[in-house]
């Protein structure tokens, strides 16, 4: 899944090159949907109130960024079995608006005010609905998504809706209904990126996961906590050369709730970020709306 925006920098030991991704856009009850066609809308607001370096220290220059993303997703789960699961397919298109100000290291301006279409994403999925753990239902899914360089991009801009590179992002997810009222969900991804031919930067491979737990308070209402962790596991490359101290990291954690009724499911979460390295750190508010046709 595409995320918020791309911040492109080229220079030694700078980082900030990871393409956006699903950081707590998907949270609670992440699986077990019956066959059918689904439209999913995500409204994501990211407030990056500070930039941090590879040690987690605030970078001079007062750089800040705000990004508003509208993600439009269609997901089709067929009533066709393959390898014991059901075959699905996913397409997603983001619309992104970014405002940035200030500078990094007191010298590199990141001023931006841009909006446009982000990178198109598509991929197949397999979902298994018949699992159990300790006698309680478990729903599982695997998916592999390809993000394509179709979004608005200008190498002269500090921030862009598009990334100008390809990303293969594959994940395993599960939801475990471990009591009648409690559930826990998680997704675990691994991503590979190609080189941005305009900047000659190739972001390093990354591992990240979302996690959530919730409890039913009323028949249509759940309350819980959701979060994510991202860790870049390989250095960025500039013109083929590895860039030391360029790996990114962030942890997010916050409250969330779920409301289901009238053919619509709404999920709201607000993680606050900690332990950042080589990226903007702040908070991320997501409203997810799910409709089954």
C-alpha atoms as a PDB file:
ATOM      1  CA  UNK A   1       0.000   0.000   0.000  1.00  0.00           C
ATOM      2  CA  UNK A   2       1.214   3.427  -0.824  1.00  0.00           C
ATOM      3  CA  UNK A   3       1.624   5.845   2.016  1.00  0.00           C
ATOM      4  CA  UNK A   4       2.037   9.584   2.293  1.00  0.00           C
ATOM      5  CA  UNK A   5       4.699  11.176   0.095  1.00  0.00           C
ATOM      6  CA  UNK A   6       8.239  10.849  -1.189  1.00  0.00           C
ATOM      7  CA  UNK A   7      11.029  13.030   0.144  1.00  0.00           C
ATOM      8  CA  UNK A   8      14.001  12.781  -2.174  1.00  0.00           C
ATOM      9  CA  UNK A   9      17.462  13.746  -0.941  1.00  0.00           C
ATOM     10  CA  UNK A  10      20.786  12.899  -2.518  1.00  0.00           C
ATOM     11  CA  UNK A  11      23.881  13.087  -0.370  1.00  0.00           C
ATOM     12  CA  UNK A  12      26.048  11.076   1.986  1.00  0.00           C
ATOM     13  CA  UNK A  13      24.532   9.805   5.214  1.00  0.00           C
ATOM     14  CA  UNK A  14      21.239  11.603   4.791  1.00  0.00           C
ATOM     15  CA  UNK A  15      18.600   8.875   4.603  1.00  0.00           C
ATOM     16  CA  UNK A  16      15.011  10.140   4.256  1.00  0.00           C
ATOM     17  CA  UNK A  17      14.693   8.068   1.060  1.00  0.00           C
ATOM     18  CA  UNK A  18      12.236   5.330   2.028  1.00  0.00           C
ATOM     19  CA  UNK A  19       9.120   5.374  -0.177  1.00  0.00           C
ATOM     20  CA  UNK A  20       5.860   5.725   1.757  1.00  0.00           C
ATOM     21  CA  UNK A  21       4.065   2.616   2.922  1.00  0.00           C
ATOM     22  CA  UNK A  22       1.205   1.325   5.059  1.00  0.00           C
ATOM     23  CA  UNK A  23       1.981   2.535   8.568  1.00  0.00           C
ATOM     24  CA  UNK A  24      -1.146   1.753  10.584  1.00  0.00           C
ATOM     25  CA  UNK A  25      -3.472   2.409   7.652  1.00  0.00           C
ATOM     26  CA  UNK A  26      -4.752  -1.113   8.283  1.00  0.00           C
ATOM     27  CA  UNK A  27      -5.249  -1.999  11.927  1.00  0.00           C
ATOM     28  CA  UNK A  28      -8.100  -3.922  13.554  1.00  0.00           C
ATOM     29  CA  UNK A  29      -9.849  -7.106  12.348  1.00  0.00           C
ATOM     30  CA  UNK A  30      -7.351  -7.362   9.502  1.00  0.00           C
ATOM     31  CA  UNK A  31      -8.753 -10.444   7.788  1.00  0.00           C
ATOM     32  CA  UNK A  32     -11.649 -12.850   7.523  1.00  0.00           C
ATOM     33  CA  UNK A  33     -13.686 -10.880   4.996  1.00  0.00           C
ATOM     34  CA  UNK A  34     -16.172 -12.987   2.990  1.00  0.00           C
ATOM     35  CA  UNK A  35     -15.842 -13.220  -0.820  1.00  0.00           C
ATOM     36  CA  UNK A  36     -16.929 -10.147  -2.747  1.00  0.00           C
ATOM     37  CA  UNK A  37     -15.887  -6.740  -4.050  1.00  0.00           C
ATOM     38  CA  UNK A  38     -14.820  -4.093  -1.531  1.00  0.00           C
ATOM     39  CA  UNK A  39     -14.146  -0.374  -1.796  1.00  0.00           C
ATOM     40  CA  UNK A  40     -11.841   0.942   0.915  1.00  0.00           C
ATOM     41  CA  UNK A  41     -11.101   4.615   1.470  1.00  0.00           C
ATOM     42  CA  UNK A  42      -8.267   5.862   3.684  1.00  0.00           C
ATOM     43  CA  UNK A  43      -7.930   9.459   4.856  1.00  0.00           C
ATOM     44  CA  UNK A  44      -4.439   9.837   6.325  1.00  0.00           C
ATOM     45  CA  UNK A  45      -2.985  12.960   7.910  1.00  0.00           C
ATOM     46  CA  UNK A  46       0.704  12.916   8.818  1.00  0.00           C
ATOM     47  CA  UNK A  47       2.147  15.700  10.950  1.00  0.00           C
ATOM     48  CA  UNK A  48       5.942  15.488  10.825  1.00  0.00           C
ATOM     49  CA  UNK A  49       6.875  17.970  13.510  1.00  0.00           C
ATOM     50  CA  UNK A  50      10.632  17.302  13.466  1.00  0.00           C
ATOM     51  CA  UNK A  51      13.372  15.631  11.447  1.00  0.00           C
ATOM     52  CA  UNK A  52      15.872  13.316  13.155  1.00  0.00           C
ATOM     53  CA  UNK A  53      19.256  11.938  12.114  1.00  0.00           C
ATOM     54  CA  UNK A  54      20.744   8.426  12.340  1.00  0.00           C
ATOM     55  CA  UNK A  55      21.214   8.850  16.107  1.00  0.00           C
ATOM     56  CA  UNK A  56      17.648  10.012  16.645  1.00  0.00           C
ATOM     57  CA  UNK A  57      18.753  13.585  17.367  1.00  0.00           C
ATOM     58  CA  UNK A  58      16.772  16.528  16.002  1.00  0.00           C
ATOM     59  CA  UNK A  59      18.309  17.967  12.837  1.00  0.00           C
ATOM     60  CA  UNK A  60      18.908  21.703  12.769  1.00  0.00           C
ATOM     61  CA  UNK A  61      16.936  23.880  10.393  1.00  0.00           C
ATOM     62  CA  UNK A  62      13.416  23.490  11.766  1.00  0.00           C
ATOM     63  CA  UNK A  63      12.194  21.243   8.962  1.00  0.00           C
ATOM     64  CA  UNK A  64       8.523  20.231   9.247  1.00  0.00           C
ATOM     65  CA  UNK A  65       6.081  18.510   6.935  1.00  0.00           C
ATOM     66  CA  UNK A  66       2.321  17.984   6.761  1.00  0.00           C
ATOM     67  CA  UNK A  67       0.778  15.508   4.329  1.00  0.00           C
ATOM     68  CA  UNK A  68      -2.830  14.614   3.596  1.00  0.00           C
ATOM     69  CA  UNK A  69      -3.475  11.452   1.604  1.00  0.00           C
ATOM     70  CA  UNK A  70      -6.647  10.010   0.135  1.00  0.00           C
ATOM     71  CA  UNK A  71      -6.162   6.339  -0.765  1.00  0.00           C
ATOM     72  CA  UNK A  72      -8.752   4.677  -2.981  1.00  0.00           C
ATOM     73  CA  UNK A  73      -8.625   0.876  -2.947  1.00  0.00           C
ATOM     74  CA  UNK A  74     -10.615  -1.871  -4.664  1.00  0.00           C
ATOM     75  CA  UNK A  75     -10.196  -5.394  -3.310  1.00  0.00           C
ATOM     76  CA  UNK A  76     -11.836  -8.444  -4.873  1.00  0.00           C
ATOM     77  CA  UNK A  77     -11.909 -11.755  -3.020  1.00  0.00           C
ATOM     78  CA  UNK A  78     -13.098 -14.569  -5.270  1.00  0.00           C
ATOM     79  CA  UNK A  79     -15.017 -17.628  -4.143  1.00  0.00           C
ATOM     80  CA  UNK A  80     -12.312 -19.697  -5.822  1.00  0.00           C
ATOM     81  CA  UNK A  81      -9.917 -21.895  -3.856  1.00  0.00           C
ATOM     82  CA  UNK A  82      -6.190 -22.051  -4.456  1.00  0.00           C
ATOM     83  CA  UNK A  83      -3.766 -23.853  -2.121  1.00  0.00           C
ATOM     84  CA  UNK A  84      -6.556 -24.142   0.433  1.00  0.00           C
ATOM     85  CA  UNK A  85      -7.264 -20.399   0.426  1.00  0.00           C
ATOM     86  CA  UNK A  86      -9.288 -17.899  -1.574  1.00  0.00           C
ATOM     87  CA  UNK A  87      -7.737 -15.878  -4.375  1.00  0.00           C
ATOM     88  CA  UNK A  88      -7.932 -12.091  -4.211  1.00  0.00           C
ATOM     89  CA  UNK A  89      -6.681  -9.068  -6.119  1.00  0.00           C
ATOM     90  CA  UNK A  90      -5.970  -5.534  -4.986  1.00  0.00           C
ATOM     91  CA  UNK A  91      -5.614  -2.159  -6.766  1.00  0.00           C
ATOM     92  CA  UNK A  92      -4.940   1.163  -5.083  1.00  0.00           C
ATOM     93  CA  UNK A  93      -4.462   4.791  -6.119  1.00  0.00           C
ATOM     94  CA  UNK A  94      -3.372   7.610  -3.753  1.00  0.00           C
ATOM     95  CA  UNK A  95      -4.061  11.333  -4.020  1.00  0.00           C
ATOM     96  CA  UNK A  96      -1.534  13.335  -2.021  1.00  0.00           C
ATOM     97  CA  UNK A  97      -1.102  16.929  -0.823  1.00  0.00           C
ATOM     98  CA  UNK A  98       2.182  17.889   0.864  1.00  0.00           C
ATOM     99  CA  UNK A  99       3.344  21.053   2.603  1.00  0.00           C
ATOM    100  CA  UNK A 100       6.925  21.270   3.870  1.00  0.00           C
ATOM    101  CA  UNK A 101       8.996  24.083   5.329  1.00  0.00           C
ATOM    102  CA  UNK A 102      12.367  24.716   6.897  1.00  0.00           C
ATOM    103  CA  UNK A 103      15.687  23.073   6.144  1.00  0.00           C
ATOM    104  CA  UNK A 104      17.735  20.011   7.035  1.00  0.00           C
ATOM    105  CA  UNK A 105      21.184  20.455   8.605  1.00  0.00           C
ATOM    106  CA  UNK A 106      20.482  24.225   8.409  1.00  0.00           C
ATOM    107  CA  UNK A 107      21.473  24.207   4.719  1.00  0.00           C
ATOM    108  CA  UNK A 108      19.202  21.896   2.688  1.00  0.00           C
ATOM    109  CA  UNK A 109      15.812  23.515   2.006  1.00  0.00           C
ATOM    110  CA  UNK A 110      12.769  21.241   2.103  1.00  0.00           C
ATOM    111  CA  UNK A 111      10.191  23.884   1.242  1.00  0.00           C
ATOM    112  CA  UNK A 112       7.337  22.372  -0.769  1.00  0.00           C
ATOM    113  CA  UNK A 113       3.664  22.882  -1.472  1.00  0.00           C
ATOM    114  CA  UNK A 114       2.440  20.312  -3.965  1.00  0.00           C
ATOM    115  CA  UNK A 115      -0.444  17.965  -4.664  1.00  0.00           C
ATOM    116  CA  UNK A 116      -1.208  15.259  -7.181  1.00  0.00           C
ATOM    117  CA  UNK A 117      -1.689  11.604  -7.952  1.00  0.00           C
ATOM    118  CA  UNK A 118       0.662   9.151  -6.252  1.00  0.00           C
ATOM    119  CA  UNK A 119       1.970   5.807  -7.498  1.00  0.00           C
ATOM    120  CA  UNK A 120      -0.481   3.129  -8.653  1.00  0.00           C
ATOM    121  CA  UNK A 121      -0.275  -0.203  -6.819  1.00  0.00           C
ATOM    122  CA  UNK A 122      -1.657  -3.660  -7.641  1.00  0.00           C
ATOM    123  CA  UNK A 123      -1.143  -7.238  -6.509  1.00  0.00           C
ATOM    124  CA  UNK A 124      -2.602 -10.713  -5.898  1.00  0.00           C
ATOM    125  CA  UNK A 125      -3.550 -12.170  -2.514  1.00  0.00           C
ATOM    126  CA  UNK A 126      -4.446 -15.496  -0.895  1.00  0.00           C
ATOM    127  CA  UNK A 127      -6.698 -15.648   2.186  1.00  0.00           C
ATOM    128  CA  UNK A 128      -7.276 -18.599   4.514  1.00  0.00           C
ATOM    129  CA  UNK A 129     -10.388 -18.584   6.702  1.00  0.00           C
ATOM    130  CA  UNK A 130     -10.364 -21.984   8.387  1.00  0.00           C
ATOM    131  CA  UNK A 131      -7.452 -21.778  10.822  1.00  0.00           C
ATOM    132  CA  UNK A 132      -7.538 -21.980  14.610  1.00  0.00           C
ATOM    133  CA  UNK A 133      -5.201 -21.331  17.529  1.00  0.00           C
ATOM    134  CA  UNK A 134      -5.969 -22.630  21.015  1.00  0.00           C
ATOM    135  CA  UNK A 135      -9.428 -23.469  19.766  1.00  0.00           C
ATOM    136  CA  UNK A 136     -10.152 -19.930  18.570  1.00  0.00           C
ATOM    137  CA  UNK A 137     -10.509 -18.715  14.919  1.00  0.00           C
ATOM    138  CA  UNK A 138      -7.505 -17.399  12.997  1.00  0.00           C
ATOM    139  CA  UNK A 139      -7.755 -15.749   9.566  1.00  0.00           C
ATOM    140  CA  UNK A 140      -4.593 -15.388   7.476  1.00  0.00           C
ATOM    141  CA  UNK A 141      -3.585 -13.704   4.224  1.00  0.00           C
ATOM    142  CA  UNK A 142      -0.501 -13.279   2.048  1.00  0.00           C
ATOM    143  CA  UNK A 143      -0.189 -10.607  -0.613  1.00  0.00           C
ATOM    144  CA  UNK A 144       2.501  -9.247  -2.914  1.00  0.00           C
ATOM    145  CA  UNK A 145       2.015  -5.717  -4.249  1.00  0.00           C
ATOM    146  CA  UNK A 146       3.893  -3.842  -6.941  1.00  0.00           C
ATOM    147  CA  UNK A 147       4.064  -0.053  -6.650  1.00  0.00           C
ATOM    148  CA  UNK A 148       4.689   1.537 -10.053  1.00  0.00           C
ATOM    149  CA  UNK A 149       6.308   4.920 -10.860  1.00  0.00           C
ATOM    150  CA  UNK A 150       3.134   6.496 -12.250  1.00  0.00           C
ATOM    151  CA  UNK A 151       2.695   9.367  -9.783  1.00  0.00           C
ATOM    152  CA  UNK A 152       3.532  13.050 -10.080  1.00  0.00           C
ATOM    153  CA  UNK A 153       7.273  13.547  -9.661  1.00  0.00           C
ATOM    154  CA  UNK A 154       9.782  16.366 -10.170  1.00  0.00           C
ATOM    155  CA  UNK A 155      13.360  15.842  -9.004  1.00  0.00           C
ATOM    156  CA  UNK A 156      13.661  19.573  -8.331  1.00  0.00           C
ATOM    157  CA  UNK A 157      11.012  19.355  -5.603  1.00  0.00           C
ATOM    158  CA  UNK A 158      11.869  18.406  -2.029  1.00  0.00           C
ATOM    159  CA  UNK A 159       8.626  16.406  -1.682  1.00  0.00           C
ATOM    160  CA  UNK A 160       6.573  14.575  -4.299  1.00  0.00           C
ATOM    161  CA  UNK A 161       3.332  12.568  -4.473  1.00  0.00           C
ATOM    162  CA  UNK A 162       5.182   9.938  -6.547  1.00  0.00           C
ATOM    163  CA  UNK A 163       8.427   8.050  -5.921  1.00  0.00           C
ATOM    164  CA  UNK A 164       9.844   7.579  -9.456  1.00  0.00           C
ATOM    165  CA  UNK A 165      10.861   3.999  -8.675  1.00  0.00           C
ATOM    166  CA  UNK A 166       9.384   0.509  -8.393  1.00  0.00           C
ATOM    167  CA  UNK A 167       8.708  -1.202  -5.057  1.00  0.00           C
ATOM    168  CA  UNK A 168       7.793  -4.843  -4.459  1.00  0.00           C
ATOM    169  CA  UNK A 169       6.154  -5.060  -1.023  1.00  0.00           C
ATOM    170  CA  UNK A 170       4.970  -8.473   0.197  1.00  0.00           C
ATOM    171  CA  UNK A 171       3.229  -9.291   3.466  1.00  0.00           C
ATOM    172  CA  UNK A 172       1.712 -11.909   5.734  1.00  0.00           C
ATOM    173  CA  UNK A 173      -1.224 -10.912   7.949  1.00  0.00           C
ATOM    174  CA  UNK A 174      -3.446 -12.541  10.536  1.00  0.00           C
ATOM    175  CA  UNK A 175      -6.338 -11.795  12.866  1.00  0.00           C
ATOM    176  CA  UNK A 176      -6.906 -13.998  15.914  1.00  0.00           C
ATOM    177  CA  UNK A 177     -10.232 -13.843  17.745  1.00  0.00           C
ATOM    178  CA  UNK A 178      -8.750 -15.096  21.006  1.00  0.00           C
ATOM    179  CA  UNK A 179     -11.923 -14.604  23.072  1.00  0.00           C
ATOM    180  CA  UNK A 180     -15.534 -13.806  22.269  1.00  0.00           C
ATOM    181  CA  UNK A 181     -14.821 -10.062  22.604  1.00  0.00           C
ATOM    182  CA  UNK A 182     -11.066  -9.672  22.051  1.00  0.00           C
ATOM    183  CA  UNK A 183      -9.031  -9.811  18.829  1.00  0.00           C
ATOM    184  CA  UNK A 184      -5.461  -9.106  17.771  1.00  0.00           C
ATOM    185  CA  UNK A 185      -4.226  -8.418  14.249  1.00  0.00           C
ATOM    186  CA  UNK A 186      -0.866  -7.902  12.553  1.00  0.00           C
ATOM    187  CA  UNK A 187       0.747  -7.493   9.134  1.00  0.00           C
ATOM    188  CA  UNK A 188       4.429  -8.145   8.425  1.00  0.00           C
ATOM    189  CA  UNK A 189       6.006  -6.766   5.204  1.00  0.00           C
ATOM    190  CA  UNK A 190       9.334  -6.961   3.410  1.00  0.00           C
ATOM    191  CA  UNK A 191      10.069  -4.483   0.604  1.00  0.00           C
ATOM    192  CA  UNK A 192      12.597  -4.167  -2.235  1.00  0.00           C
ATOM    193  CA  UNK A 193      13.099  -0.960  -4.231  1.00  0.00           C
ATOM    194  CA  UNK A 194      14.661  -0.105  -7.571  1.00  0.00           C
ATOM    195  CA  UNK A 195      16.808   2.948  -8.234  1.00  0.00           C
ATOM    196  CA  UNK A 196      15.315   6.368  -8.843  1.00  0.00           C
ATOM    197  CA  UNK A 197      16.909   7.102 -12.214  1.00  0.00           C
ATOM    198  CA  UNK A 198      16.594  10.858 -11.768  1.00  0.00           C
ATOM    199  CA  UNK A 199      18.509  11.029  -8.480  1.00  0.00           C
ATOM    200  CA  UNK A 200      20.516   7.760  -8.728  1.00  0.00           C
ATOM    201  CA  UNK A 201      19.300   6.881  -5.214  1.00  0.00           C
ATOM    202  CA  UNK A 202      18.205   3.340  -4.392  1.00  0.00           C
ATOM    203  CA  UNK A 203      16.537   3.072  -0.957  1.00  0.00           C
ATOM    204  CA  UNK A 204      17.595   0.113   1.161  1.00  0.00           C
ATOM    205  CA  UNK A 205      15.352  -2.878   1.794  1.00  0.00           C
ATOM    206  CA  UNK A 206      12.947  -2.500   4.687  1.00  0.00           C
ATOM    207  CA  UNK A 207      11.005  -4.626   7.149  1.00  0.00           C
ATOM    208  CA  UNK A 208       7.913  -3.245   8.845  1.00  0.00           C
ATOM    209  CA  UNK A 209       4.775  -4.419  10.576  1.00  0.00           C
ATOM    210  CA  UNK A 210       1.442  -3.137  11.858  1.00  0.00           C
ATOM    211  CA  UNK A 211      -0.110  -4.482  15.056  1.00  0.00           C
ATOM    212  CA  UNK A 212      -3.415  -3.933  16.835  1.00  0.00           C
ATOM    213  CA  UNK A 213      -5.608  -5.279  19.620  1.00  0.00           C
ATOM    214  CA  UNK A 214      -9.239  -4.408  20.295  1.00  0.00           C
ATOM    215  CA  UNK A 215     -12.185  -5.323  22.490  1.00  0.00           C
ATOM    216  CA  UNK A 216     -15.885  -5.210  21.715  1.00  0.00           C
ATOM    217  CA  UNK A 217     -17.626  -2.700  23.998  1.00  0.00           C
ATOM    218  CA  UNK A 218     -21.020  -2.723  22.247  1.00  0.00           C
ATOM    219  CA  UNK A 219     -22.338  -4.907  19.415  1.00  0.00           C
ATOM    220  CA  UNK A 220     -21.190  -2.339  16.808  1.00  0.00           C
ATOM    221  CA  UNK A 221     -18.314  -0.666  18.643  1.00  0.00           C
ATOM    222  CA  UNK A 222     -14.769  -1.754  19.476  1.00  0.00           C
ATOM    223  CA  UNK A 223     -11.968   0.113  21.280  1.00  0.00           C
ATOM    224  CA  UNK A 224      -8.287  -0.720  21.108  1.00  0.00           C
ATOM    225  CA  UNK A 225      -4.681   0.247  20.440  1.00  0.00           C
ATOM    226  CA  UNK A 226      -2.769   0.172  17.171  1.00  0.00           C
ATOM    227  CA  UNK A 227       0.776   0.778  16.044  1.00  0.00           C
ATOM    228  CA  UNK A 228       3.610   0.017  13.678  1.00  0.00           C
ATOM    229  CA  UNK A 229       7.358  -0.499  13.524  1.00  0.00           C
ATOM    230  CA  UNK A 230       9.584   0.159  10.508  1.00  0.00           C
ATOM    231  CA  UNK A 231      13.231  -0.805  10.233  1.00  0.00           C
ATOM    232  CA  UNK A 232      15.411  -0.350   7.172  1.00  0.00           C
ATOM    233  CA  UNK A 233      17.716  -3.379   6.982  1.00  0.00           C
ATOM    234  CA  UNK A 234      20.069  -2.320   4.165  1.00  0.00           C
ATOM    235  CA  UNK A 235      21.870   0.944   3.417  1.00  0.00           C
ATOM    236  CA  UNK A 236      20.697   3.344   0.745  1.00  0.00           C
ATOM    237  CA  UNK A 237      22.822   3.492  -2.406  1.00  0.00           C
ATOM    238  CA  UNK A 238      23.827   6.581  -4.373  1.00  0.00           C
ATOM    239  CA  UNK A 239      25.041   5.796  -7.906  1.00  0.00           C
ATOM    240  CA  UNK A 240      25.684   2.241  -6.691  1.00  0.00           C
ATOM    241  CA  UNK A 241      27.729   3.242  -3.628  1.00  0.00           C
ATOM    242  CA  UNK A 242      26.445   2.360  -0.164  1.00  0.00           C
ATOM    243  CA  UNK A 243      25.623   5.340   2.056  1.00  0.00           C
ATOM    244  CA  UNK A 244      26.626   4.847   5.687  1.00  0.00           C
ATOM    245  CA  UNK A 245      24.203   5.850   8.456  1.00  0.00           C
ATOM    246  CA  UNK A 246      21.269   6.069   6.019  1.00  0.00           C
ATOM    247  CA  UNK A 247      18.948   3.456   7.543  1.00  0.00           C
ATOM    248  CA  UNK A 248      15.522   4.553   8.770  1.00  0.00           C
ATOM    249  CA  UNK A 249      13.550   3.456  11.815  1.00  0.00           C
ATOM    250  CA  UNK A 250      10.327   4.452  13.545  1.00  0.00           C
ATOM    251  CA  UNK A 251       7.850   3.121  16.108  1.00  0.00           C
ATOM    252  CA  UNK A 252       4.249   4.346  16.339  1.00  0.00           C
ATOM    253  CA  UNK A 253       1.629   3.603  18.992  1.00  0.00           C
ATOM    254  CA  UNK A 254      -1.781   5.056  19.802  1.00  0.00           C
ATOM    255  CA  UNK A 255      -5.507   4.515  20.404  1.00  0.00           C
ATOM    256  CA  UNK A 256      -8.132   3.421  17.915  1.00  0.00           C
ATOM    257  CA  UNK A 257     -11.752   2.415  17.520  1.00  0.00           C
ATOM    258  CA  UNK A 258     -14.002   0.478  15.132  1.00  0.00           C
ATOM    259  CA  UNK A 259     -17.658   1.056  14.270  1.00  0.00           C
ATOM    260  CA  UNK A 260     -19.654  -1.315  12.059  1.00  0.00           C
ATOM    261  CA  UNK A 261     -23.212  -0.759  10.907  1.00  0.00           C
ATOM    262  CA  UNK A 262     -25.411  -0.011   7.932  1.00  0.00           C
ATOM    263  CA  UNK A 263     -23.141  -1.854   5.493  1.00  0.00           C
ATOM    264  CA  UNK A 264     -20.137   0.286   6.409  1.00  0.00           C
ATOM    265  CA  UNK A 265     -17.148  -0.301   8.678  1.00  0.00           C
ATOM    266  CA  UNK A 266     -15.176   2.691   9.987  1.00  0.00           C
ATOM    267  CA  UNK A 267     -11.811   2.471  11.747  1.00  0.00           C
ATOM    268  CA  UNK A 268      -9.985   5.400  13.330  1.00  0.00           C
ATOM    269  CA  UNK A 269      -6.443   5.344  14.745  1.00  0.00           C
ATOM    270  CA  UNK A 270      -3.942   7.939  15.970  1.00  0.00           C
ATOM    271  CA  UNK A 271      -0.410   6.594  16.573  1.00  0.00           C
ATOM    272  CA  UNK A 272       2.298   8.914  17.876  1.00  0.00           C
ATOM    273  CA  UNK A 273       5.851   8.173  16.736  1.00  0.00           C
ATOM    274  CA  UNK A 274       8.955   7.343  18.785  1.00  0.00           C
ATOM    275  CA  UNK A 275      12.507   6.043  18.245  1.00  0.00           C
ATOM    276  CA  UNK A 276      12.859   7.729  14.864  1.00  0.00           C
ATOM    277  CA  UNK A 277      16.015   7.622  12.770  1.00  0.00           C
ATOM    278  CA  UNK A 278      16.707   9.396   9.461  1.00  0.00           C
ATOM    279  CA  UNK A 279      13.129  10.575   8.876  1.00  0.00           C
ATOM    280  CA  UNK A 280      10.420  12.966   9.931  1.00  0.00           C
ATOM    281  CA  UNK A 281       8.761  11.979  13.204  1.00  0.00           C
ATOM    282  CA  UNK A 282       5.339  13.061  14.403  1.00  0.00           C
ATOM    283  CA  UNK A 283       1.848  11.589  14.462  1.00  0.00           C
ATOM    284  CA  UNK A 284      -0.401   9.846  11.974  1.00  0.00           C
ATOM    285  CA  UNK A 285      -4.210   9.946  12.013  1.00  0.00           C
ATOM    286  CA  UNK A 286      -6.079   7.494   9.771  1.00  0.00           C
ATOM    287  CA  UNK A 287      -9.771   7.071   9.047  1.00  0.00           C
ATOM    288  CA  UNK A 288     -10.503   3.868   7.130  1.00  0.00           C
ATOM    289  CA  UNK A 289     -13.942   3.280   5.557  1.00  0.00           C
ATOM    290  CA  UNK A 290     -14.859  -0.152   4.155  1.00  0.00           C
ATOM    291  CA  UNK A 291     -17.883  -0.883   1.969  1.00  0.00           C
ATOM    292  CA  UNK A 292     -18.797  -4.281   0.512  1.00  0.00           C
ATOM    293  CA  UNK A 293     -20.795  -4.172  -2.712  1.00  0.00           C
END
